[in-house]
Amino acid sequence: MFSEFYKKDAHYSRYYALFMVGFGTGLRIGELLALTWDDIDYSNKVIHIRKTIVYLPMDGGMKFKVQTPKTRKSVRDIPLLENIEKILRRQFMGQKKKIMRMGDRWTPLEEEGFSNLIFTTEYGTPIDRNMITRTLHQIINKMNQSGISIEQFSPHAMRHSFATRCFERGVPAKVVQEVLGYSSLNMTMDLYTHVINDTKQNEMEKINCIFKAE
C-alpha cells in the first residue's frame, strides 16, 4: 500500500519530494528535515548524515534546533541512488524558482544550519514534523475515501518501509544497519524478524484456499 500512497495522492502534495526521499533512504524524520544541499555529494554519490532537527519547548511555542545525532552510528554516509538523485535535482530547481518568486517573503532562519535546507515551508523556514504527520493523515484519509484502503501511519513508517523493502530483496542485515544508522545489529535483527514473520504469514495465505474445511 505504500506504493499506492506515494505514486498517487502523495504525488500532488507539496511534500512529495520529502516523502520520496524518506521512503527511498530510510532516514529518520529529524535527519530528513535537517538535510541541507551541502549534504548531497553528487560527485561521490553519497548523502552525508551529520545532523538532525529537534524541537525545544519555549514560552508560547516550540523552537527548532539543529544538533548532531545522539549516537556515533547515526553519523554516516548513505548511497545516493539514481532515482533519489533525480528527485533532489528537481527539488533544487523548484526551490530556486520559488525563492525568486517569493522575493522578500523567503525568510529562512538566520541561525546556523537553517539557511540551506532542502525541505522547507513556503517561506524557507524549517518544517514542523507535526505538519508532516498531519499531511500524511490527510492523504491517507483521501485515499480511503476513494476506495484505497490503507491504515494511518506516522513518518517513522517511511523508515520501516525502506528497511522492509531491503530485507525483501535480500540486502544483508549489516548493510541495512549501516544505512539506517542503528547502534546495534540486534535492533536490525528485531526488525528483520518482524518482516520475515509478516512475509511468512502473507505467503501461507496463498495456499489457504487449498485446505478447505468440510
C-alpha atoms as a PDB file:
ATOM      1  CA  MET A   1       0.000   0.000   0.000  1.00  0.00           C
ATOM      2  CA  PHE A   2       2.961   2.345   0.449  1.00  0.00           C
ATOM      3  CA  SER A   3       3.470   2.209  -3.325  1.00  0.00           C
ATOM      4  CA  GLU A   4      -0.139   3.290  -3.797  1.00  0.00           C
ATOM      5  CA  PHE A   5       0.479   6.113  -1.353  1.00  0.00           C
ATOM      6  CA  TYR A   6       3.488   7.745  -2.953  1.00  0.00           C
ATOM      7  CA  LYS A   7       2.539   7.038  -6.563  1.00  0.00           C
ATOM      8  CA  LYS A   8      -0.925   8.557  -6.268  1.00  0.00           C
ATOM      9  CA  ASP A   9      -2.210  11.130  -3.789  1.00  0.00           C
ATOM     10  CA  ALA A  10       1.200  11.969  -2.314  1.00  0.00           C
ATOM     11  CA  HIS A  11       2.376  12.980  -5.784  1.00  0.00           C
ATOM     12  CA  TYR A  12       0.248  16.116  -5.521  1.00  0.00           C
ATOM     13  CA  SER A  13       1.467  17.091  -2.067  1.00  0.00           C
ATOM     14  CA  ARG A  14       3.927  19.937  -1.544  1.00  0.00           C
ATOM     15  CA  TYR A  15       5.924  17.367   0.434  1.00  0.00           C
ATOM     16  CA  TYR A  16       6.092  14.839  -2.402  1.00  0.00           C
ATOM     17  CA  ALA A  17       9.892  15.076  -2.719  1.00  0.00           C
ATOM     18  CA  LEU A  18      10.288  14.707   1.038  1.00  0.00           C
ATOM     19  CA  PHE A  19       8.103  11.586   1.061  1.00  0.00           C
ATOM     20  CA  MET A  20      10.001  10.039  -1.842  1.00  0.00           C
ATOM     21  CA  VAL A  21      13.391  10.674  -0.250  1.00  0.00           C
ATOM     22  CA  GLY A  22      12.089   9.340   3.062  1.00  0.00           C
ATOM     23  CA  PHE A  23      10.800   6.112   1.546  1.00  0.00           C
ATOM     24  CA  GLY A  24      13.935   5.783  -0.574  1.00  0.00           C
ATOM     25  CA  THR A  25      16.597   6.330   2.094  1.00  0.00           C
ATOM     26  CA  GLY A  26      15.155   5.243   5.447  1.00  0.00           C
ATOM     27  CA  LEU A  27      16.222   8.474   7.125  1.00  0.00           C
ATOM     28  CA  ARG A  28      14.733   9.439  10.453  1.00  0.00           C
ATOM     29  CA  ILE A  29      12.287  12.335  10.085  1.00  0.00           C
ATOM     30  CA  GLY A  30      14.605  14.649  12.042  1.00  0.00           C
ATOM     31  CA  GLU A  31      17.517  13.738   9.747  1.00  0.00           C
ATOM     32  CA  LEU A  32      15.358  14.244   6.690  1.00  0.00           C
ATOM     33  CA  LEU A  33      14.186  17.699   7.772  1.00  0.00           C
ATOM     34  CA  ALA A  34      17.757  18.731   8.684  1.00  0.00           C
ATOM     35  CA  LEU A  35      19.241  17.867   5.271  1.00  0.00           C
ATOM     36  CA  THR A  36      20.983  20.773   3.553  1.00  0.00           C
ATOM     37  CA  TRP A  37      22.215  20.981  -0.013  1.00  0.00           C
ATOM     38  CA  ASP A  38      25.841  20.660   1.054  1.00  0.00           C
ATOM     39  CA  ASP A  39      24.974  17.222   2.482  1.00  0.00           C
ATOM     40  CA  ILE A  40      24.392  15.952  -1.058  1.00  0.00           C
ATOM     41  CA  ASP A  41      27.632  14.754  -2.650  1.00  0.00           C
ATOM     42  CA  TYR A  42      26.747  14.226  -6.291  1.00  0.00           C
ATOM     43  CA  SER A  43      30.357  13.506  -7.277  1.00  0.00           C
ATOM     44  CA  ASN A  44      30.737  10.558  -4.894  1.00  0.00           C
ATOM     45  CA  LYS A  45      27.052   9.563  -4.976  1.00  0.00           C
ATOM     46  CA  VAL A  46      26.516   9.769  -1.224  1.00  0.00           C
ATOM     47  CA  ILE A  47      24.354  11.655   1.232  1.00  0.00           C
ATOM     48  CA  HIS A  48      26.158  12.834   4.363  1.00  0.00           C
ATOM     49  CA  ILE A  49      24.054  12.417   7.510  1.00  0.00           C
ATOM     50  CA  ARG A  50      25.587  14.725  10.098  1.00  0.00           C
ATOM     51  CA  LYS A  51      22.696  16.395  11.903  1.00  0.00           C
ATOM     52  CA  THR A  52      19.079  16.245  12.967  1.00  0.00           C
ATOM     53  CA  ILE A  53      16.395  18.780  13.814  1.00  0.00           C
ATOM     54  CA  VAL A  54      14.967  18.727  17.321  1.00  0.00           C
ATOM     55  CA  TYR A  55      12.163  20.771  18.833  1.00  0.00           C
ATOM     56  CA  LEU A  56      12.607  22.505  22.166  1.00  0.00           C
ATOM     57  CA  PRO A  57       9.641  23.810  24.174  1.00  0.00           C
ATOM     58  CA  MET A  58       9.667  27.562  24.568  1.00  0.00           C
ATOM     59  CA  ASP A  59       7.279  30.060  26.115  1.00  0.00           C
ATOM     60  CA  GLY A  60       4.269  30.080  23.842  1.00  0.00           C
ATOM     61  CA  GLY A  61       5.562  27.537  21.370  1.00  0.00           C
ATOM     62  CA  MET A  62       8.489  25.474  20.105  1.00  0.00           C
ATOM     63  CA  LYS A  63      11.994  26.313  18.936  1.00  0.00           C
ATOM     64  CA  PHE A  64      13.842  24.493  16.166  1.00  0.00           C
ATOM     65  CA  LYS A  65      17.409  23.434  16.820  1.00  0.00           C
ATOM     66  CA  VAL A  66      19.932  21.583  14.658  1.00  0.00           C
ATOM     67  CA  GLN A  67      22.210  19.221  16.540  1.00  0.00           C
ATOM     68  CA  THR A  68      24.401  16.196  15.889  1.00  0.00           C
ATOM     69  CA  PRO A  69      22.691  12.788  16.153  1.00  0.00           C
ATOM     70  CA  LYS A  70      22.720  11.071  19.525  1.00  0.00           C
ATOM     71  CA  THR A  71      24.781   8.031  18.539  1.00  0.00           C
ATOM     72  CA  ARG A  72      28.032   7.594  16.630  1.00  0.00           C
ATOM     73  CA  LYS A  73      26.367   5.196  14.182  1.00  0.00           C
ATOM     74  CA  SER A  74      23.842   7.852  13.251  1.00  0.00           C
ATOM     75  CA  VAL A  75      26.622   9.971  11.728  1.00  0.00           C
ATOM     76  CA  ARG A  76      27.051   8.188   8.417  1.00  0.00           C
ATOM     77  CA  ASP A  77      27.182   8.340   4.638  1.00  0.00           C
ATOM     78  CA  ILE A  78      24.490   6.554   2.666  1.00  0.00           C
ATOM     79  CA  PRO A  79      24.410   5.803  -1.075  1.00  0.00           C
ATOM     80  CA  LEU A  80      22.756   8.365  -3.302  1.00  0.00           C
ATOM     81  CA  LEU A  81      20.630   6.199  -5.582  1.00  0.00           C
ATOM     82  CA  GLU A  82      19.824   7.358  -9.089  1.00  0.00           C
ATOM     83  CA  ASN A  83      16.096   7.853  -8.527  1.00  0.00           C
ATOM     84  CA  ILE A  84      16.722   9.831  -5.334  1.00  0.00           C
ATOM     85  CA  GLU A  85      19.280  11.990  -7.132  1.00  0.00           C
ATOM     86  CA  LYS A  86      16.707  12.853  -9.794  1.00  0.00           C
ATOM     87  CA  ILE A  87      14.181  13.845  -7.152  1.00  0.00           C
ATOM     88  CA  LEU A  88      16.725  16.021  -5.344  1.00  0.00           C
ATOM     89  CA  ARG A  89      17.807  17.754  -8.543  1.00  0.00           C
ATOM     90  CA  ARG A  90      14.177  18.571  -9.350  1.00  0.00           C
ATOM     91  CA  GLN A  91      13.703  19.785  -5.778  1.00  0.00           C
ATOM     92  CA  PHE A  92      16.734  22.054  -6.142  1.00  0.00           C
ATOM     93  CA  MET A  93      15.448  23.655  -9.338  1.00  0.00           C
ATOM     94  CA  GLY A  94      11.964  24.027  -7.902  1.00  0.00           C
ATOM     95  CA  GLN A  95      13.332  25.667  -4.781  1.00  0.00           C
ATOM     96  CA  LYS A  96      15.385  28.149  -6.791  1.00  0.00           C
ATOM     97  CA  LYS A  97      12.282  29.193  -8.721  1.00  0.00           C
ATOM     98  CA  LYS A  98      10.319  29.501  -5.504  1.00  0.00           C
ATOM     99  CA  ILE A  99      12.984  31.731  -3.916  1.00  0.00           C
ATOM    100  CA  MET A 100      12.843  34.064  -6.912  1.00  0.00           C
ATOM    101  CA  ARG A 101       9.052  34.089  -6.834  1.00  0.00           C
ATOM    102  CA  MET A 102       8.816  34.720  -3.089  1.00  0.00           C
ATOM    103  CA  GLY A 103      11.390  37.517  -3.004  1.00  0.00           C
ATOM    104  CA  ASP A 104      11.461  39.177   0.423  1.00  0.00           C
ATOM    105  CA  ARG A 105       8.887  36.703   1.708  1.00  0.00           C
ATOM    106  CA  TRP A 106      11.526  33.942   1.578  1.00  0.00           C
ATOM    107  CA  THR A 107      12.813  34.272   5.141  1.00  0.00           C
ATOM    108  CA  PRO A 108      14.879  31.262   6.336  1.00  0.00           C
ATOM    109  CA  LEU A 109      16.030  31.255   9.930  1.00  0.00           C
ATOM    110  CA  GLU A 110      19.316  33.068  10.372  1.00  0.00           C
ATOM    111  CA  GLU A 111      20.643  30.547  12.875  1.00  0.00           C
ATOM    112  CA  GLU A 112      23.416  28.214  11.737  1.00  0.00           C
ATOM    113  CA  GLY A 113      22.145  25.116   9.955  1.00  0.00           C
ATOM    114  CA  PHE A 114      18.890  26.566   8.655  1.00  0.00           C
ATOM    115  CA  SER A 115      19.907  28.694   5.670  1.00  0.00           C
ATOM    116  CA  ASN A 116      20.373  25.910   3.136  1.00  0.00           C
ATOM    117  CA  LEU A 117      17.648  23.384   3.965  1.00  0.00           C
ATOM    118  CA  ILE A 118      16.429  21.072   1.230  1.00  0.00           C
ATOM    119  CA  PHE A 119      12.899  20.765   2.604  1.00  0.00           C
ATOM    120  CA  THR A 120      11.227  23.901   3.936  1.00  0.00           C
ATOM    121  CA  THR A 121       7.904  25.631   4.356  1.00  0.00           C
ATOM    122  CA  GLU A 122       6.655  28.022   1.695  1.00  0.00           C
ATOM    123  CA  TYR A 123       8.741  30.744   3.358  1.00  0.00           C
ATOM    124  CA  GLY A 124      12.037  28.879   3.657  1.00  0.00           C
ATOM    125  CA  THR A 125      11.687  28.055   7.340  1.00  0.00           C
ATOM    126  CA  PRO A 126      12.083  24.566   8.901  1.00  0.00           C
ATOM    127  CA  ILE A 127       9.133  22.220   8.661  1.00  0.00           C
ATOM    128  CA  ASP A 128       7.425  21.154  11.868  1.00  0.00           C
ATOM    129  CA  ARG A 129       7.336  17.351  11.868  1.00  0.00           C
ATOM    130  CA  ASN A 130       3.756  17.550  13.166  1.00  0.00           C
ATOM    131  CA  MET A 131       2.828  19.131   9.850  1.00  0.00           C
ATOM    132  CA  ILE A 132       4.253  16.095   8.052  1.00  0.00           C
ATOM    133  CA  THR A 133       2.149  13.813  10.257  1.00  0.00           C
ATOM    134  CA  ARG A 134      -0.997  15.845   9.562  1.00  0.00           C
ATOM    135  CA  THR A 135      -0.293  15.804   5.834  1.00  0.00           C
ATOM    136  CA  LEU A 136       0.165  12.033   5.876  1.00  0.00           C
ATOM    137  CA  HIS A 137      -3.153  11.600   7.633  1.00  0.00           C
ATOM    138  CA  GLN A 138      -4.913  13.895   5.163  1.00  0.00           C
ATOM    139  CA  ILE A 139      -3.541  11.948   2.204  1.00  0.00           C
ATOM    140  CA  ILE A 140      -4.461   8.595   3.742  1.00  0.00           C
ATOM    141  CA  ASN A 141      -7.989   9.815   4.543  1.00  0.00           C
ATOM    142  CA  LYS A 142      -8.390  10.900   0.938  1.00  0.00           C
ATOM    143  CA  MET A 143      -7.176   7.509  -0.298  1.00  0.00           C
ATOM    144  CA  ASN A 144      -9.596   5.675   1.973  1.00  0.00           C
ATOM    145  CA  GLN A 145     -12.458   7.842   0.752  1.00  0.00           C
ATOM    146  CA  SER A 146     -11.570   6.950  -2.834  1.00  0.00           C
ATOM    147  CA  GLY A 147     -11.702   3.224  -2.076  1.00  0.00           C
ATOM    148  CA  ILE A 148      -7.990   2.515  -1.487  1.00  0.00           C
ATOM    149  CA  SER A 149      -7.857   1.009   1.989  1.00  0.00           C
ATOM    150  CA  ILE A 150      -4.743   1.903   3.975  1.00  0.00           C
ATOM    151  CA  GLU A 151      -4.158   2.310   7.697  1.00  0.00           C
ATOM    152  CA  GLN A 152      -2.893   5.564   9.158  1.00  0.00           C
ATOM    153  CA  PHE A 153       0.864   5.682   9.675  1.00  0.00           C
ATOM    154  CA  SER A 154       3.447   8.089  11.063  1.00  0.00           C
ATOM    155  CA  PRO A 155       6.563   9.493   9.351  1.00  0.00           C
ATOM    156  CA  HIS A 156       8.567   6.737  11.055  1.00  0.00           C
ATOM    157  CA  ALA A 157       6.761   4.220   8.845  1.00  0.00           C
ATOM    158  CA  MET A 158       8.744   5.516   5.862  1.00  0.00           C
ATOM    159  CA  ARG A 159      11.874   4.258   7.594  1.00  0.00           C
ATOM    160  CA  HIS A 160      10.275   0.917   8.404  1.00  0.00           C
ATOM    161  CA  SER A 161       9.042   0.582   4.817  1.00  0.00           C
ATOM    162  CA  PHE A 162      12.542   1.194   3.469  1.00  0.00           C
ATOM    163  CA  ALA A 163      14.002  -1.487   5.735  1.00  0.00           C
ATOM    164  CA  THR A 164      11.256  -3.914   4.746  1.00  0.00           C
ATOM    165  CA  ARG A 165      11.974  -3.435   1.027  1.00  0.00           C
ATOM    166  CA  CYS A 166      15.674  -4.001   1.706  1.00  0.00           C
ATOM    167  CA  PHE A 167      15.055  -7.271   3.525  1.00  0.00           C
ATOM    168  CA  GLU A 168      12.583  -8.456   0.896  1.00  0.00           C
ATOM    169  CA  ARG A 169      15.275  -8.005  -1.745  1.00  0.00           C
ATOM    170  CA  GLY A 170      17.954  -9.807   0.212  1.00  0.00           C
ATOM    171  CA  VAL A 171      20.048  -6.856   1.404  1.00  0.00           C
ATOM    172  CA  PRO A 172      22.273  -8.142   4.263  1.00  0.00           C
ATOM    173  CA  ALA A 173      21.225  -7.078   7.758  1.00  0.00           C
ATOM    174  CA  LYS A 174      24.631  -5.464   8.407  1.00  0.00           C
ATOM    175  CA  VAL A 175      24.220  -3.232   5.357  1.00  0.00           C
ATOM    176  CA  VAL A 176      20.718  -2.245   6.460  1.00  0.00           C
ATOM    177  CA  GLN A 177      22.099  -1.431   9.908  1.00  0.00           C
ATOM    178  CA  GLU A 178      24.752   0.871   8.440  1.00  0.00           C
ATOM    179  CA  VAL A 179      22.288   2.673   6.172  1.00  0.00           C
ATOM    180  CA  LEU A 180      19.693   3.146   8.905  1.00  0.00           C
ATOM    181  CA  GLY A 181      22.302   4.194  11.455  1.00  0.00           C
ATOM    182  CA  TYR A 182      21.275   1.698  14.115  1.00  0.00           C
ATOM    183  CA  SER A 183      23.695   1.462  17.020  1.00  0.00           C
ATOM    184  CA  SER A 184      23.494  -2.324  17.216  1.00  0.00           C
ATOM    185  CA  LEU A 185      22.825  -5.226  14.903  1.00  0.00           C
ATOM    186  CA  ASN A 186      20.269  -6.530  17.406  1.00  0.00           C
ATOM    187  CA  MET A 187      17.927  -3.644  16.591  1.00  0.00           C
ATOM    188  CA  THR A 188      18.204  -4.504  12.908  1.00  0.00           C
ATOM    189  CA  MET A 189      17.608  -8.200  13.510  1.00  0.00           C
ATOM    190  CA  ASP A 190      14.496  -7.445  15.587  1.00  0.00           C
ATOM    191  CA  LEU A 191      13.110  -5.578  12.586  1.00  0.00           C
ATOM    192  CA  TYR A 192      14.255  -8.349  10.254  1.00  0.00           C
ATOM    193  CA  THR A 193      12.420 -10.962  12.342  1.00  0.00           C
ATOM    194  CA  HIS A 194       9.264  -8.859  12.237  1.00  0.00           C
ATOM    195  CA  VAL A 195       9.474  -8.569   8.439  1.00  0.00           C
ATOM    196  CA  ILE A 196      10.117 -12.298   7.983  1.00  0.00           C
ATOM    197  CA  ASN A 197       7.145 -13.198  10.191  1.00  0.00           C
ATOM    198  CA  ASP A 198       4.877 -10.905   8.172  1.00  0.00           C
ATOM    199  CA  THR A 199       6.219 -12.385   4.946  1.00  0.00           C
ATOM    200  CA  LYS A 200       5.598 -15.944   6.158  1.00  0.00           C
ATOM    201  CA  GLN A 201       2.008 -15.062   7.033  1.00  0.00           C
ATOM    202  CA  ASN A 202       1.410 -13.494   3.620  1.00  0.00           C
ATOM    203  CA  GLU A 203       2.971 -16.405   1.762  1.00  0.00           C
ATOM    204  CA  MET A 204       0.988 -19.015   3.712  1.00  0.00           C
ATOM    205  CA  GLU A 205      -2.237 -17.159   2.962  1.00  0.00           C
ATOM    206  CA  LYS A 206      -1.630 -18.004  -0.715  1.00  0.00           C
ATOM    207  CA  ILE A 207      -2.206 -21.692  -0.047  1.00  0.00           C
ATOM    208  CA  ASN A 208      -5.075 -21.176   2.362  1.00  0.00           C
ATOM    209  CA  CYS A 209      -7.632 -21.885  -0.363  1.00  0.00           C
ATOM    210  CA  ILE A 210      -6.179 -25.380  -0.895  1.00  0.00           C
ATOM    211  CA  PHE A 211      -7.256 -26.564   2.533  1.00  0.00           C
ATOM    212  CA  LYS A 212     -10.995 -26.099   2.732  1.00  0.00           C
ATOM    213  CA  ALA A 213     -12.877 -27.175   5.812  1.00  0.00           C
ATOM    214  CA  GLU A 214     -15.511 -29.830   5.143  1.00  0.00           C
END
